[in-house]
Amino acid sequence: SVPVGVDAVFLLDELDKVVDVTYGNMEAVHRAAELWQKTTPLKGNLSRIVGVIQKPLADNAITIRTDGGREHSYRVRPLIQPRLAKLSKGESAVLLVDEENMVTDVAFMPKP
């Protein structure tokens, strides 16, 4: 994490998401080291949705039934679609969903 008040340079991807950050100068590096000890632990910004696939990937969306029994459809980012295309109805999966409520990654057991 980058402390507030430190000069930093951010690298953005084609979706305008931050993919990397570096400090603007050596003074910023030293300032960040001092401020780091005063920060709270870093928290992930992706939600984990654990469940069973109900509708496989179609039209950029996938539907999952959570362990609590609720069904929910999520839009899927283009970069992860090839991996999600491998999932069939009834397979267990963990979807990682970003702040825009879109699937950005997935974890599942590979088929034998």
N, C-alpha and C. Protein backbone atom coordinates (compact mmCIF):
# COMPACT_ATOMS: atom_id res chain seq x y z
N SER A 1 0.84 -1.18 0.00
CA SER A 1 0.00 0.00 0.00
C SER A 1 0.88 1.24 0.00
N VAL A 2 0.35 2.30 -0.55
CA VAL A 2 1.08 3.55 -0.64
C VAL A 2 0.50 4.51 0.39
N PRO A 3 1.30 4.98 1.32
CA PRO A 3 0.80 5.91 2.33
C PRO A 3 0.35 7.23 1.72
N VAL A 4 -0.62 7.86 2.35
CA VAL A 4 -1.10 9.17 1.92
C VAL A 4 0.02 10.19 2.06
N GLY A 5 0.17 11.05 1.05
CA GLY A 5 1.16 12.12 1.11
C GLY A 5 2.51 11.79 0.50
N VAL A 6 2.67 10.58 -0.04
CA VAL A 6 3.94 10.18 -0.65
C VAL A 6 3.84 10.35 -2.16
N ASP A 7 4.89 10.91 -2.79
CA ASP A 7 4.93 11.03 -4.25
C ASP A 7 5.04 9.64 -4.86
N ALA A 8 4.11 9.33 -5.78
CA ALA A 8 4.11 8.01 -6.40
C ALA A 8 3.72 8.12 -7.87
N VAL A 9 4.14 7.11 -8.64
CA VAL A 9 3.80 7.01 -10.06
C VAL A 9 2.99 5.74 -10.22
N PHE A 10 1.78 5.86 -10.81
CA PHE A 10 0.89 4.72 -10.98
C PHE A 10 0.86 4.28 -12.43
N LEU A 11 0.91 2.95 -12.66
CA LEU A 11 0.78 2.37 -14.00
C LEU A 11 -0.64 1.83 -14.11
N LEU A 12 -1.38 2.28 -15.15
CA LEU A 12 -2.76 1.86 -15.37
C LEU A 12 -2.84 0.94 -16.56
N ASP A 13 -3.78 -0.03 -16.51
CA ASP A 13 -3.98 -0.91 -17.66
C ASP A 13 -5.05 -0.32 -18.58
N GLU A 14 -5.46 -1.10 -19.59
CA GLU A 14 -6.40 -0.60 -20.57
C GLU A 14 -7.79 -0.35 -19.99
N LEU A 15 -8.08 -0.88 -18.81
CA LEU A 15 -9.35 -0.64 -18.13
C LEU A 15 -9.24 0.48 -17.11
N ASP A 16 -8.12 1.19 -17.13
CA ASP A 16 -7.83 2.26 -16.18
C ASP A 16 -7.79 1.75 -14.74
N LYS A 17 -7.33 0.52 -14.56
CA LYS A 17 -7.12 -0.05 -13.23
C LYS A 17 -5.63 0.05 -12.89
N VAL A 18 -5.32 0.33 -11.64
CA VAL A 18 -3.93 0.41 -11.21
C VAL A 18 -3.33 -1.00 -11.22
N VAL A 19 -2.24 -1.18 -11.94
CA VAL A 19 -1.57 -2.48 -12.00
C VAL A 19 -0.20 -2.46 -11.34
N ASP A 20 0.36 -1.27 -11.13
CA ASP A 20 1.66 -1.18 -10.47
C ASP A 20 1.83 0.24 -9.95
N VAL A 21 2.68 0.37 -8.96
CA VAL A 21 2.98 1.69 -8.40
C VAL A 21 4.44 1.70 -7.96
N THR A 22 5.07 2.83 -8.15
CA THR A 22 6.44 3.00 -7.69
C THR A 22 6.55 4.40 -7.10
N TYR A 23 7.54 4.59 -6.26
CA TYR A 23 7.70 5.89 -5.63
C TYR A 23 8.38 6.86 -6.57
N GLY A 24 8.00 8.13 -6.47
CA GLY A 24 8.49 9.16 -7.37
C GLY A 24 9.96 9.48 -7.21
N ASN A 25 10.51 9.33 -6.00
CA ASN A 25 11.93 9.64 -5.76
C ASN A 25 12.38 8.96 -4.47
N MET A 26 13.67 9.06 -4.17
CA MET A 26 14.21 8.39 -2.97
C MET A 26 13.62 8.96 -1.69
N GLU A 27 13.33 10.23 -1.67
CA GLU A 27 12.71 10.83 -0.49
C GLU A 27 11.35 10.17 -0.22
N ALA A 28 10.61 9.90 -1.29
CA ALA A 28 9.31 9.24 -1.15
C ALA A 28 9.47 7.83 -0.61
N VAL A 29 10.52 7.14 -1.03
CA VAL A 29 10.78 5.78 -0.53
C VAL A 29 11.00 5.82 0.98
N HIS A 30 11.82 6.75 1.44
CA HIS A 30 12.10 6.86 2.88
C HIS A 30 10.85 7.27 3.65
N ARG A 31 10.08 8.19 3.09
CA ARG A 31 8.84 8.63 3.75
C ARG A 31 7.85 7.47 3.84
N ALA A 32 7.75 6.69 2.78
CA ALA A 32 6.84 5.54 2.79
C ALA A 32 7.25 4.52 3.85
N ALA A 33 8.55 4.30 3.99
CA ALA A 33 9.04 3.36 5.00
C ALA A 33 8.65 3.82 6.41
N GLU A 34 8.72 5.13 6.64
CA GLU A 34 8.33 5.67 7.94
C GLU A 34 6.83 5.52 8.17
N LEU A 35 6.04 5.85 7.15
CA LEU A 35 4.59 5.81 7.29
C LEU A 35 4.03 4.40 7.31
N TRP A 36 4.76 3.45 6.70
CA TRP A 36 4.28 2.07 6.61
C TRP A 36 4.01 1.49 7.98
N GLN A 37 4.84 1.82 8.94
CA GLN A 37 4.69 1.28 10.29
C GLN A 37 3.43 1.80 10.98
N LYS A 38 2.84 2.87 10.46
CA LYS A 38 1.65 3.47 11.08
C LYS A 38 0.35 3.05 10.39
N THR A 39 0.42 2.23 9.35
CA THR A 39 -0.78 1.88 8.59
C THR A 39 -1.43 0.60 9.10
N THR A 40 -2.69 0.41 8.70
CA THR A 40 -3.39 -0.82 9.02
C THR A 40 -3.03 -1.87 7.97
N PRO A 41 -3.23 -3.14 8.26
CA PRO A 41 -2.90 -4.19 7.28
C PRO A 41 -3.70 -4.03 5.99
N LEU A 42 -3.07 -4.39 4.88
CA LEU A 42 -3.70 -4.31 3.57
C LEU A 42 -4.85 -5.31 3.48
N LYS A 43 -5.97 -4.86 2.93
CA LYS A 43 -7.13 -5.73 2.75
C LYS A 43 -7.34 -5.94 1.27
N GLY A 44 -7.76 -7.14 0.88
CA GLY A 44 -8.04 -7.42 -0.52
C GLY A 44 -9.25 -6.65 -0.99
N ASN A 45 -9.26 -6.27 -2.24
CA ASN A 45 -10.39 -5.52 -2.76
C ASN A 45 -11.30 -6.39 -3.63
N LEU A 46 -11.09 -7.71 -3.61
CA LEU A 46 -11.93 -8.63 -4.37
C LEU A 46 -12.78 -9.45 -3.41
N SER A 47 -14.05 -9.60 -3.75
CA SER A 47 -14.95 -10.45 -2.96
C SER A 47 -14.85 -11.88 -3.46
N ARG A 48 -14.92 -12.83 -2.53
CA ARG A 48 -14.88 -14.26 -2.89
C ARG A 48 -16.31 -14.78 -2.87
N ILE A 49 -16.74 -15.35 -3.98
CA ILE A 49 -18.07 -15.94 -4.09
C ILE A 49 -17.87 -17.45 -4.26
N VAL A 50 -18.21 -18.21 -3.22
CA VAL A 50 -18.02 -19.66 -3.23
C VAL A 50 -19.36 -20.32 -3.55
N GLY A 51 -19.34 -21.27 -4.50
CA GLY A 51 -20.59 -21.94 -4.81
C GLY A 51 -20.47 -22.94 -5.94
N VAL A 52 -21.62 -23.23 -6.56
CA VAL A 52 -21.72 -24.21 -7.64
C VAL A 52 -22.26 -23.51 -8.88
N ILE A 53 -21.63 -23.76 -10.02
CA ILE A 53 -22.05 -23.13 -11.27
C ILE A 53 -23.44 -23.63 -11.65
N GLN A 54 -24.36 -22.70 -11.92
CA GLN A 54 -25.71 -23.03 -12.35
C GLN A 54 -25.89 -22.85 -13.85
N LYS A 55 -25.30 -21.78 -14.38
CA LYS A 55 -25.33 -21.52 -15.83
C LYS A 55 -23.90 -21.20 -16.25
N PRO A 56 -23.31 -22.04 -17.11
CA PRO A 56 -21.94 -21.78 -17.57
C PRO A 56 -21.84 -20.46 -18.32
N LEU A 57 -20.62 -20.06 -18.60
CA LEU A 57 -20.37 -18.80 -19.29
C LEU A 57 -21.15 -18.72 -20.60
N ALA A 58 -21.94 -17.67 -20.73
CA ALA A 58 -22.69 -17.39 -21.96
C ALA A 58 -23.00 -15.90 -21.98
N ASP A 59 -22.79 -15.27 -23.12
CA ASP A 59 -23.06 -13.83 -23.27
C ASP A 59 -22.35 -13.00 -22.20
N ASN A 60 -21.09 -13.32 -21.93
CA ASN A 60 -20.25 -12.58 -20.99
C ASN A 60 -20.75 -12.63 -19.54
N ALA A 61 -21.52 -13.66 -19.18
CA ALA A 61 -22.03 -13.77 -17.82
C ALA A 61 -21.99 -15.24 -17.37
N ILE A 62 -21.96 -15.42 -16.05
CA ILE A 62 -21.98 -16.75 -15.45
C ILE A 62 -22.87 -16.68 -14.21
N THR A 63 -23.57 -17.78 -13.92
CA THR A 63 -24.47 -17.81 -12.77
C THR A 63 -23.97 -18.87 -11.79
N ILE A 64 -23.94 -18.50 -10.51
CA ILE A 64 -23.45 -19.38 -9.45
C ILE A 64 -24.48 -19.43 -8.33
N ARG A 65 -24.63 -20.60 -7.70
CA ARG A 65 -25.46 -20.74 -6.50
C ARG A 65 -24.51 -20.81 -5.33
N THR A 66 -24.65 -19.87 -4.41
CA THR A 66 -23.74 -19.80 -3.27
C THR A 66 -24.06 -20.90 -2.27
N ASP A 67 -23.15 -21.08 -1.32
CA ASP A 67 -23.36 -22.08 -0.27
C ASP A 67 -24.61 -21.78 0.54
N GLY A 68 -25.04 -20.51 0.55
CA GLY A 68 -26.26 -20.11 1.24
C GLY A 68 -27.52 -20.38 0.44
N GLY A 69 -27.38 -20.90 -0.79
CA GLY A 69 -28.54 -21.26 -1.59
C GLY A 69 -29.05 -20.19 -2.54
N ARG A 70 -28.40 -19.03 -2.57
CA ARG A 70 -28.84 -17.94 -3.45
C ARG A 70 -28.13 -18.01 -4.78
N GLU A 71 -28.89 -17.78 -5.87
CA GLU A 71 -28.30 -17.73 -7.21
C GLU A 71 -28.02 -16.29 -7.57
N HIS A 72 -26.88 -16.09 -8.24
CA HIS A 72 -26.54 -14.74 -8.68
C HIS A 72 -25.75 -14.84 -9.98
N SER A 73 -26.07 -13.95 -10.92
CA SER A 73 -25.33 -13.87 -12.18
C SER A 73 -24.33 -12.72 -12.11
N TYR A 74 -23.16 -12.95 -12.67
CA TYR A 74 -22.11 -11.94 -12.69
C TYR A 74 -21.62 -11.76 -14.12
N ARG A 75 -21.36 -10.52 -14.49
CA ARG A 75 -20.69 -10.25 -15.76
C ARG A 75 -19.24 -10.66 -15.59
N VAL A 76 -18.60 -11.03 -16.69
CA VAL A 76 -17.24 -11.58 -16.64
C VAL A 76 -16.31 -10.72 -17.50
N ARG A 77 -15.18 -10.34 -16.93
CA ARG A 77 -14.19 -9.56 -17.69
C ARG A 77 -13.62 -10.43 -18.81
N PRO A 78 -13.31 -9.82 -19.95
CA PRO A 78 -12.83 -10.57 -21.12
C PRO A 78 -11.58 -11.42 -20.85
N LEU A 79 -10.64 -10.92 -20.07
CA LEU A 79 -9.39 -11.65 -19.86
C LEU A 79 -9.57 -12.98 -19.14
N ILE A 80 -10.61 -13.14 -18.34
CA ILE A 80 -10.81 -14.37 -17.58
C ILE A 80 -11.79 -15.33 -18.28
N GLN A 81 -12.44 -14.88 -19.33
CA GLN A 81 -13.45 -15.71 -19.99
C GLN A 81 -12.92 -17.07 -20.48
N PRO A 82 -11.70 -17.17 -21.03
CA PRO A 82 -11.22 -18.49 -21.44
C PRO A 82 -11.16 -19.51 -20.29
N ARG A 83 -10.80 -19.06 -19.10
CA ARG A 83 -10.76 -19.98 -17.94
C ARG A 83 -12.16 -20.36 -17.49
N LEU A 84 -13.08 -19.38 -17.49
CA LEU A 84 -14.44 -19.67 -17.06
C LEU A 84 -15.18 -20.55 -18.07
N ALA A 85 -14.77 -20.51 -19.32
CA ALA A 85 -15.41 -21.33 -20.35
C ALA A 85 -15.21 -22.82 -20.09
N LYS A 86 -14.24 -23.17 -19.26
CA LYS A 86 -13.97 -24.57 -18.93
C LYS A 86 -14.95 -25.14 -17.91
N LEU A 87 -15.70 -24.26 -17.23
CA LEU A 87 -16.61 -24.71 -16.18
C LEU A 87 -17.95 -25.14 -16.74
N SER A 88 -18.51 -26.21 -16.16
CA SER A 88 -19.82 -26.72 -16.55
C SER A 88 -20.79 -26.59 -15.38
N LYS A 89 -22.07 -26.71 -15.67
CA LYS A 89 -23.09 -26.69 -14.63
C LYS A 89 -22.79 -27.79 -13.61
N GLY A 90 -22.91 -27.43 -12.32
CA GLY A 90 -22.70 -28.40 -11.25
C GLY A 90 -21.30 -28.42 -10.68
N GLU A 91 -20.36 -27.72 -11.32
CA GLU A 91 -18.99 -27.69 -10.80
C GLU A 91 -18.84 -26.63 -9.71
N SER A 92 -18.05 -26.97 -8.69
CA SER A 92 -17.74 -26.01 -7.62
C SER A 92 -16.69 -25.03 -8.10
N ALA A 93 -16.83 -23.78 -7.65
CA ALA A 93 -15.86 -22.75 -8.04
C ALA A 93 -15.86 -21.63 -7.01
N VAL A 94 -14.78 -20.86 -7.03
CA VAL A 94 -14.68 -19.64 -6.24
C VAL A 94 -14.46 -18.52 -7.24
N LEU A 95 -15.44 -17.60 -7.34
CA LEU A 95 -15.32 -16.45 -8.23
C LEU A 95 -14.75 -15.29 -7.43
N LEU A 96 -13.80 -14.57 -8.01
CA LEU A 96 -13.28 -13.36 -7.40
C LEU A 96 -13.89 -12.19 -8.15
N VAL A 97 -14.65 -11.37 -7.42
CA VAL A 97 -15.46 -10.31 -8.01
C VAL A 97 -14.93 -8.96 -7.56
N ASP A 98 -14.78 -8.03 -8.51
CA ASP A 98 -14.22 -6.71 -8.19
C ASP A 98 -15.31 -5.72 -7.75
N GLU A 99 -14.90 -4.47 -7.54
CA GLU A 99 -15.80 -3.44 -7.04
C GLU A 99 -16.90 -3.08 -8.04
N GLU A 100 -16.74 -3.47 -9.30
CA GLU A 100 -17.78 -3.24 -10.32
C GLU A 100 -18.69 -4.46 -10.45
N ASN A 101 -18.55 -5.40 -9.52
CA ASN A 101 -19.35 -6.62 -9.49
C ASN A 101 -19.12 -7.49 -10.73
N MET A 102 -17.89 -7.49 -11.23
CA MET A 102 -17.51 -8.30 -12.38
C MET A 102 -16.48 -9.34 -11.96
N VAL A 103 -16.58 -10.55 -12.52
CA VAL A 103 -15.64 -11.62 -12.22
C VAL A 103 -14.29 -11.27 -12.87
N THR A 104 -13.24 -11.27 -12.04
CA THR A 104 -11.89 -10.96 -12.54
C THR A 104 -10.96 -12.16 -12.44
N ASP A 105 -11.34 -13.17 -11.65
CA ASP A 105 -10.53 -14.37 -11.53
C ASP A 105 -11.41 -15.50 -11.00
N VAL A 106 -10.90 -16.72 -11.10
CA VAL A 106 -11.66 -17.88 -10.66
C VAL A 106 -10.70 -18.95 -10.15
N ALA A 107 -11.17 -19.71 -9.17
CA ALA A 107 -10.42 -20.88 -8.69
C ALA A 107 -11.36 -22.07 -8.75
N PHE A 108 -10.85 -23.20 -9.27
CA PHE A 108 -11.64 -24.42 -9.34
C PHE A 108 -10.71 -25.60 -9.48
N MET A 109 -11.24 -26.79 -9.20
CA MET A 109 -10.45 -28.01 -9.35
C MET A 109 -10.43 -28.39 -10.82
N PRO A 110 -9.24 -28.61 -11.40
CA PRO A 110 -9.20 -29.01 -12.81
C PRO A 110 -9.81 -30.39 -13.01
N LYS A 111 -10.39 -30.59 -14.18
CA LYS A 111 -10.98 -31.89 -14.52
C LYS A 111 -9.87 -32.90 -14.77
N PRO A 112 -10.08 -34.16 -14.34
CA PRO A 112 -9.03 -35.18 -14.55
C PRO A 112 -8.87 -35.54 -16.02
